Every structure is written in structure tokens, then in C-alpha cells.
N, C-alpha and C. Protein backbone atom coordinates (compact mmCIF):
# COMPACT_ATOMS: atom_id res chain seq x y z
N MET A 1 -5.69 27.43 -13.81
CA MET A 1 -5.56 26.24 -13.00
C MET A 1 -6.87 25.46 -13.04
N LEU A 2 -6.76 24.18 -12.94
CA LEU A 2 -7.91 23.28 -13.01
C LEU A 2 -8.08 22.57 -11.68
N THR A 3 -9.31 22.45 -11.23
CA THR A 3 -9.61 21.70 -10.01
C THR A 3 -10.48 20.52 -10.41
N VAL A 4 -10.14 19.35 -9.90
CA VAL A 4 -10.88 18.13 -10.23
C VAL A 4 -11.35 17.48 -8.95
N GLN A 5 -12.61 17.09 -8.92
CA GLN A 5 -13.16 16.38 -7.76
C GLN A 5 -13.10 14.88 -8.04
N LEU A 6 -12.49 14.12 -7.15
CA LEU A 6 -12.41 12.67 -7.27
C LEU A 6 -13.22 12.02 -6.16
N ASN A 7 -13.72 10.82 -6.42
CA ASN A 7 -14.36 10.11 -5.32
C ASN A 7 -13.27 9.66 -4.36
N SER A 8 -13.65 9.30 -3.15
CA SER A 8 -12.66 9.00 -2.11
C SER A 8 -11.78 7.81 -2.48
N ARG A 9 -12.34 6.84 -3.16
CA ARG A 9 -11.55 5.66 -3.56
C ARG A 9 -10.45 6.05 -4.55
N ALA A 10 -10.80 6.83 -5.57
CA ALA A 10 -9.81 7.24 -6.57
C ALA A 10 -8.76 8.14 -5.94
N GLU A 11 -9.18 9.02 -5.06
CA GLU A 11 -8.23 9.91 -4.39
C GLU A 11 -7.25 9.12 -3.53
N ALA A 12 -7.76 8.15 -2.78
CA ALA A 12 -6.89 7.33 -1.93
C ALA A 12 -5.91 6.52 -2.77
N GLN A 13 -6.39 5.98 -3.88
CA GLN A 13 -5.53 5.20 -4.77
C GLN A 13 -4.42 6.09 -5.34
N LEU A 14 -4.78 7.27 -5.74
CA LEU A 14 -3.81 8.21 -6.29
C LEU A 14 -2.78 8.61 -5.23
N GLN A 15 -3.23 8.85 -4.02
CA GLN A 15 -2.31 9.23 -2.95
C GLN A 15 -1.37 8.08 -2.59
N ARG A 16 -1.87 6.84 -2.56
CA ARG A 16 -1.00 5.69 -2.28
C ARG A 16 0.06 5.53 -3.35
N LEU A 17 -0.35 5.65 -4.59
CA LEU A 17 0.59 5.53 -5.70
C LEU A 17 1.67 6.60 -5.62
N ALA A 18 1.27 7.82 -5.35
CA ALA A 18 2.23 8.92 -5.25
C ALA A 18 3.20 8.69 -4.09
N LYS A 19 2.68 8.25 -2.96
CA LYS A 19 3.53 8.02 -1.79
C LYS A 19 4.54 6.92 -2.04
N LYS A 20 4.12 5.83 -2.68
CA LYS A 20 5.01 4.70 -2.94
C LYS A 20 6.09 5.05 -3.97
N SER A 21 5.76 5.91 -4.91
CA SER A 21 6.68 6.19 -6.01
C SER A 21 7.55 7.42 -5.79
N GLY A 22 7.15 8.27 -4.86
CA GLY A 22 7.90 9.51 -4.65
C GLY A 22 7.50 10.61 -5.61
N ARG A 23 6.54 10.34 -6.46
CA ARG A 23 6.02 11.37 -7.36
C ARG A 23 4.85 12.06 -6.68
N THR A 24 4.44 13.19 -7.21
CA THR A 24 3.33 13.92 -6.60
C THR A 24 2.00 13.47 -7.20
N VAL A 25 0.95 13.73 -6.43
CA VAL A 25 -0.41 13.47 -6.91
C VAL A 25 -0.66 14.27 -8.18
N ASP A 26 -0.20 15.51 -8.21
CA ASP A 26 -0.38 16.35 -9.40
C ASP A 26 0.28 15.75 -10.63
N GLU A 27 1.48 15.19 -10.46
CA GLU A 27 2.17 14.57 -11.60
C GLU A 27 1.35 13.43 -12.18
N TYR A 28 0.86 12.56 -11.30
CA TYR A 28 0.05 11.43 -11.77
C TYR A 28 -1.25 11.89 -12.41
N ALA A 29 -1.91 12.86 -11.80
CA ALA A 29 -3.17 13.36 -12.35
C ALA A 29 -2.95 14.01 -13.71
N ARG A 30 -1.88 14.80 -13.83
CA ARG A 30 -1.56 15.46 -15.10
C ARG A 30 -1.28 14.42 -16.18
N GLU A 31 -0.45 13.42 -15.83
CA GLU A 31 -0.10 12.37 -16.79
C GLU A 31 -1.34 11.59 -17.24
N ALA A 32 -2.20 11.25 -16.29
CA ALA A 32 -3.42 10.49 -16.62
C ALA A 32 -4.35 11.30 -17.51
N LEU A 33 -4.51 12.57 -17.20
CA LEU A 33 -5.38 13.43 -18.00
C LEU A 33 -4.84 13.60 -19.41
N LEU A 34 -3.56 13.86 -19.54
CA LEU A 34 -2.96 14.02 -20.87
C LEU A 34 -3.08 12.75 -21.70
N GLN A 35 -2.84 11.60 -21.07
CA GLN A 35 -2.95 10.33 -21.78
C GLN A 35 -4.39 10.09 -22.24
N HIS A 36 -5.34 10.39 -21.38
CA HIS A 36 -6.74 10.21 -21.73
C HIS A 36 -7.14 11.14 -22.88
N LEU A 37 -6.67 12.37 -22.85
CA LEU A 37 -6.97 13.30 -23.93
C LEU A 37 -6.39 12.81 -25.26
N GLU A 38 -5.19 12.26 -25.22
CA GLU A 38 -4.59 11.68 -26.43
C GLU A 38 -5.43 10.52 -26.94
N ASP A 39 -5.89 9.67 -26.02
CA ASP A 39 -6.73 8.53 -26.40
C ASP A 39 -8.03 9.01 -27.04
N LEU A 40 -8.66 10.03 -26.46
CA LEU A 40 -9.89 10.57 -27.02
C LEU A 40 -9.66 11.14 -28.41
N ASP A 41 -8.54 11.81 -28.61
CA ASP A 41 -8.22 12.36 -29.92
C ASP A 41 -8.00 11.24 -30.93
N ASP A 42 -7.33 10.16 -30.52
CA ASP A 42 -7.13 9.01 -31.40
C ASP A 42 -8.46 8.38 -31.79
N ILE A 43 -9.37 8.26 -30.83
CA ILE A 43 -10.69 7.69 -31.10
C ILE A 43 -11.46 8.57 -32.08
N ARG A 44 -11.40 9.89 -31.86
CA ARG A 44 -12.08 10.82 -32.76
C ARG A 44 -11.53 10.70 -34.18
N GLU A 45 -10.22 10.63 -34.30
CA GLU A 45 -9.60 10.52 -35.62
C GLU A 45 -9.96 9.20 -36.29
N ALA A 46 -9.95 8.12 -35.53
CA ALA A 46 -10.32 6.81 -36.09
C ALA A 46 -11.77 6.81 -36.55
N THR A 47 -12.64 7.41 -35.77
CA THR A 47 -14.05 7.49 -36.14
C THR A 47 -14.23 8.27 -37.43
N GLU A 48 -13.52 9.38 -37.56
CA GLU A 48 -13.59 10.17 -38.79
C GLU A 48 -13.09 9.38 -39.99
N ARG A 49 -12.01 8.66 -39.81
CA ARG A 49 -11.46 7.88 -40.92
C ARG A 49 -12.38 6.75 -41.35
N LEU A 50 -13.12 6.19 -40.40
CA LEU A 50 -14.05 5.11 -40.73
C LEU A 50 -15.21 5.61 -41.58
N LYS A 51 -15.44 6.91 -41.57
CA LYS A 51 -16.51 7.49 -42.39
C LYS A 51 -16.09 7.58 -43.86
N GLU A 52 -14.81 7.36 -44.15
CA GLU A 52 -14.29 7.44 -45.52
C GLU A 52 -13.98 6.03 -46.00
N PRO A 53 -14.95 5.37 -46.66
CA PRO A 53 -14.75 3.97 -47.06
C PRO A 53 -13.53 3.75 -47.95
N SER A 54 -13.12 4.74 -48.71
CA SER A 54 -11.96 4.55 -49.58
C SER A 54 -10.67 4.40 -48.77
N GLN A 55 -10.70 4.77 -47.51
CA GLN A 55 -9.52 4.68 -46.66
C GLN A 55 -9.47 3.41 -45.82
N ILE A 56 -10.45 2.51 -46.01
CA ILE A 56 -10.50 1.28 -45.24
C ILE A 56 -9.92 0.15 -46.08
N PHE A 57 -8.95 -0.57 -45.51
CA PHE A 57 -8.30 -1.66 -46.21
C PHE A 57 -8.45 -2.94 -45.41
N SER A 58 -8.61 -4.05 -46.12
CA SER A 58 -8.59 -5.34 -45.44
C SER A 58 -7.14 -5.64 -45.06
N LEU A 59 -6.96 -6.62 -44.20
CA LEU A 59 -5.61 -7.01 -43.81
C LEU A 59 -4.80 -7.42 -45.03
N GLU A 60 -5.41 -8.19 -45.90
CA GLU A 60 -4.70 -8.64 -47.11
C GLU A 60 -4.31 -7.46 -48.01
N GLU A 61 -5.20 -6.49 -48.16
CA GLU A 61 -4.87 -5.31 -48.97
C GLU A 61 -3.72 -4.52 -48.34
N ALA A 62 -3.75 -4.39 -47.05
CA ALA A 62 -2.68 -3.67 -46.36
C ALA A 62 -1.35 -4.39 -46.53
N LYS A 63 -1.35 -5.71 -46.40
CA LYS A 63 -0.12 -6.48 -46.59
C LYS A 63 0.42 -6.30 -48.00
N ARG A 64 -0.46 -6.34 -48.99
CA ARG A 64 -0.02 -6.15 -50.38
C ARG A 64 0.60 -4.77 -50.56
N GLN A 65 -0.05 -3.76 -50.04
CA GLN A 65 0.46 -2.39 -50.21
C GLN A 65 1.79 -2.19 -49.50
N LEU A 66 1.99 -2.91 -48.41
CA LEU A 66 3.24 -2.78 -47.65
C LEU A 66 4.27 -3.83 -48.06
N SER A 67 3.95 -4.61 -49.08
CA SER A 67 4.83 -5.68 -49.58
C SER A 67 5.22 -6.65 -48.48
N LEU A 68 4.24 -7.06 -47.70
CA LEU A 68 4.50 -8.02 -46.61
C LEU A 68 4.03 -9.40 -47.00
């Protein structure tokens, strides 16, 4: 199990959202954390790909390759 400390503003915002929607604070926290982890993984992957110049295409090159 994971415990997370939030500042009072974030905690209050999360509680208001949960109360208005009928979902639990845990559901929103879990969803937000998972989404953020996915975003971080996407950023890491994009950063790695940018290190490989052969994998970088201009917009025009991409359009040509996709026959657009």
C-alpha cells in the first residue's frame, strides 16, 4: 500500500471532486498517478528517440513516407 501526503489545498480539491462525482478520493488519486506515470514514460521514450538522429523526420518527410 502507498501513502501520499498532499498539501491542504490539493486534498480539499480532491475531496470536493470526489464528493461531487460520487467517486472516491482513492479512485481519483489512483487515476491521476497512473496517468502521470504514463506521461513520464512517454517523455522518457521521446527523449530516447531524440538521441537517434536517424529517427527524426521533418513534417514534409513524414508526409511523403505516409503518402499524405
